[in-house]
C-alpha atoms as a PDB file:
ATOM      1  CA  MET A   1      -0.261 -20.796 -22.162  1.00  0.00           C
ATOM      2  CA  SER A   2      -0.709 -17.239 -20.539  1.00  0.00           C
ATOM      3  CA  VAL A   3      -1.873 -17.212 -16.785  1.00  0.00           C
ATOM      4  CA  ARG A   4      -2.720 -14.143 -14.299  1.00  0.00           C
ATOM      5  CA  ILE A   5      -0.570 -14.551 -11.123  1.00  0.00           C
ATOM      6  CA  VAL A   6      -1.700 -12.804  -8.453  1.00  0.00           C
ATOM      7  CA  TYR A   7       0.658 -12.145  -5.038  1.00  0.00           C
ATOM      8  CA  PHE A   8      -0.439 -11.344  -1.800  1.00  0.00           C
ATOM      9  CA  ALA A   9       1.000  -9.898   1.613  1.00  0.00           C
ATOM     10  CA  TRP A  10       4.789 -10.227   1.658  1.00  0.00           C
ATOM     11  CA  VAL A  11       5.275 -11.928  -1.517  1.00  0.00           C
ATOM     12  CA  ARG A  12       3.693  -8.976  -3.382  1.00  0.00           C
ATOM     13  CA  GLU A  13       5.695  -6.564  -1.188  1.00  0.00           C
ATOM     14  CA  ARG A  14       9.062  -8.337  -2.254  1.00  0.00           C
ATOM     15  CA  ILE A  15       8.169  -8.799  -5.818  1.00  0.00           C
ATOM     16  CA  GLY A  16       6.964  -5.005  -6.009  1.00  0.00           C
ATOM     17  CA  LYS A  17       3.407  -5.944  -7.739  1.00  0.00           C
ATOM     18  CA  GLY A  18      -0.041  -7.237  -6.958  1.00  0.00           C
ATOM     19  CA  SER A  19      -0.100  -9.793  -9.971  1.00  0.00           C
ATOM     20  CA  GLU A  20       0.828  -9.720 -13.729  1.00  0.00           C
ATOM     21  CA  GLU A  21      -0.115 -11.798 -16.736  1.00  0.00           C
ATOM     22  CA  ILE A  22       2.792 -14.473 -17.990  1.00  0.00           C
ATOM     23  CA  ALA A  23       3.495 -17.044 -20.588  1.00  0.00           C
ATOM     24  CA  LEU A  24       4.007 -20.402 -19.105  1.00  0.00           C
ATOM     25  CA  PRO A  25       7.100 -22.539 -20.127  1.00  0.00           C
ATOM     26  CA  ALA A  26       6.173 -25.837 -21.437  1.00  0.00           C
ATOM     27  CA  ASP A  27       7.701 -27.661 -18.373  1.00  0.00           C
ATOM     28  CA  VAL A  28       5.925 -25.631 -15.843  1.00  0.00           C
ATOM     29  CA  LYS A  29       3.150 -28.084 -15.084  1.00  0.00           C
ATOM     30  CA  THR A  30       2.382 -27.844 -11.124  1.00  0.00           C
ATOM     31  CA  VAL A  31       2.398 -25.316  -8.876  1.00  0.00           C
ATOM     32  CA  GLY A  32       5.759 -26.310  -7.490  1.00  0.00           C
ATOM     33  CA  ASP A  33       6.821 -25.987 -11.018  1.00  0.00           C
ATOM     34  CA  LEU A  34       5.540 -22.423 -11.230  1.00  0.00           C
ATOM     35  CA  ILE A  35       7.228 -21.299  -7.933  1.00  0.00           C
ATOM     36  CA  ALA A  36      10.269 -22.892  -9.071  1.00  0.00           C
ATOM     37  CA  HIS A  37      10.188 -20.685 -12.344  1.00  0.00           C
ATOM     38  CA  LEU A  38       9.147 -17.701 -11.099  1.00  0.00           C
ATOM     39  CA  ALA A  39      12.153 -17.757  -8.654  1.00  0.00           C
ATOM     40  CA  THR A  40      14.422 -17.432 -11.632  1.00  0.00           C
ATOM     41  CA  LEU A  41      13.100 -14.228 -13.116  1.00  0.00           C
ATOM     42  CA  GLY A  42      15.097 -11.871 -10.974  1.00  0.00           C
ATOM     43  CA  GLU A  43      16.586 -10.949  -7.683  1.00  0.00           C
ATOM     44  CA  GLU A  44      12.955  -9.834  -6.126  1.00  0.00           C
ATOM     45  CA  TYR A  45      11.371 -12.889  -7.194  1.00  0.00           C
ATOM     46  CA  GLU A  46      14.090 -15.019  -6.035  1.00  0.00           C
ATOM     47  CA  ALA A  47      13.613 -13.139  -2.679  1.00  0.00           C
ATOM     48  CA  ALA A  48      10.223 -13.775  -2.398  1.00  0.00           C
ATOM     49  CA  PHE A  49      10.353 -17.538  -3.269  1.00  0.00           C
ATOM     50  CA  GLN A  50      13.520 -18.142  -1.321  1.00  0.00           C
ATOM     51  CA  VAL A  51      11.850 -20.681   0.988  1.00  0.00           C
ATOM     52  CA  PRO A  52       9.364 -22.159  -1.770  1.00  0.00           C
ATOM     53  CA  GLY A  53       7.723 -24.694   0.904  1.00  0.00           C
ATOM     54  CA  VAL A  54       6.029 -21.884   3.002  1.00  0.00           C
ATOM     55  CA  ILE A  55       4.058 -20.417  -0.279  1.00  0.00           C
ATOM     56  CA  ARG A  56       0.365 -21.519  -0.377  1.00  0.00           C
ATOM     57  CA  ALA A  57      -1.307 -21.275  -3.648  1.00  0.00           C
ATOM     58  CA  ALA A  58      -4.949 -21.239  -5.361  1.00  0.00           C
ATOM     59  CA  LEU A  59      -6.016 -22.144  -8.615  1.00  0.00           C
ATOM     60  CA  ASP A  60      -8.840 -20.268  -9.650  1.00  0.00           C
ATOM     61  CA  GLU A  61      -9.568 -19.511  -6.228  1.00  0.00           C
ATOM     62  CA  GLU A  62      -9.422 -23.320  -5.087  1.00  0.00           C
ATOM     63  CA  HIS A  63      -6.514 -24.005  -2.575  1.00  0.00           C
ATOM     64  CA  ALA A  64      -3.851 -26.152  -4.093  1.00  0.00           C
ATOM     65  CA  ASP A  65      -0.941 -28.359  -3.084  1.00  0.00           C
ATOM     66  CA  HIS A  66       2.593 -27.763  -4.670  1.00  0.00           C
ATOM     67  CA  ASP A  67       2.144 -30.783  -6.736  1.00  0.00           C
ATOM     68  CA  GLU A  68      -1.130 -29.917  -7.882  1.00  0.00           C
ATOM     69  CA  ALA A  69      -1.431 -29.541 -11.965  1.00  0.00           C
ATOM     70  CA  ILE A  70      -1.994 -26.049 -13.264  1.00  0.00           C
ATOM     71  CA  GLY A  71      -3.897 -27.518 -15.886  1.00  0.00           C
ATOM     72  CA  ALA A  72      -6.312 -24.753 -17.482  1.00  0.00           C
ATOM     73  CA  ALA A  73      -6.380 -22.364 -14.328  1.00  0.00           C
ATOM     74  CA  ARG A  74      -6.867 -19.071 -15.595  1.00  0.00           C
ATOM     75  CA  GLU A  75      -5.595 -16.997 -12.141  1.00  0.00           C
ATOM     76  CA  ILE A  76      -2.784 -18.574  -9.703  1.00  0.00           C
ATOM     77  CA  ALA A  77      -2.801 -16.716  -6.433  1.00  0.00           C
ATOM     78  CA  LEU A  78       0.614 -17.076  -4.246  1.00  0.00           C
ATOM     79  CA  PHE A  79       0.736 -16.070  -0.841  1.00  0.00           C
ATOM     80  CA  PRO A  80       2.327 -16.867   2.655  1.00  0.00           C
ATOM     81  CA  PRO A  81       0.789 -19.034   5.360  1.00  0.00           C
ATOM     82  CA  MET A  82      -2.329 -17.438   6.943  1.00  0.00           C
ATOM     83  CA  THR A  83      -1.859 -16.558  10.498  1.00  0.00           C
ATOM     84  CA  GLY A  84      -4.810 -15.273  12.905  1.00  0.00           C
ATOM     85  CA  GLY A  85      -6.532 -16.225  16.055  1.00  0.00           C
END
């Protein structure tokens, strides 16, 4: 299954791209699985996902926890925690 991954803020800066299409391996079932998989794709990905617990995600523009199944999502957004006031 191929999915569009969109990166935001310092995740995008560390990886060096705003988005990409990737084919998900069969063992990537959840958001957490995806983050772990992405961390293996090279130094820039490893740097972006070195603390996976802080990464937030959205499946087709709906916030998702790390244990949530990716299912048939067409777009997955990955971003750091939001701050503001």
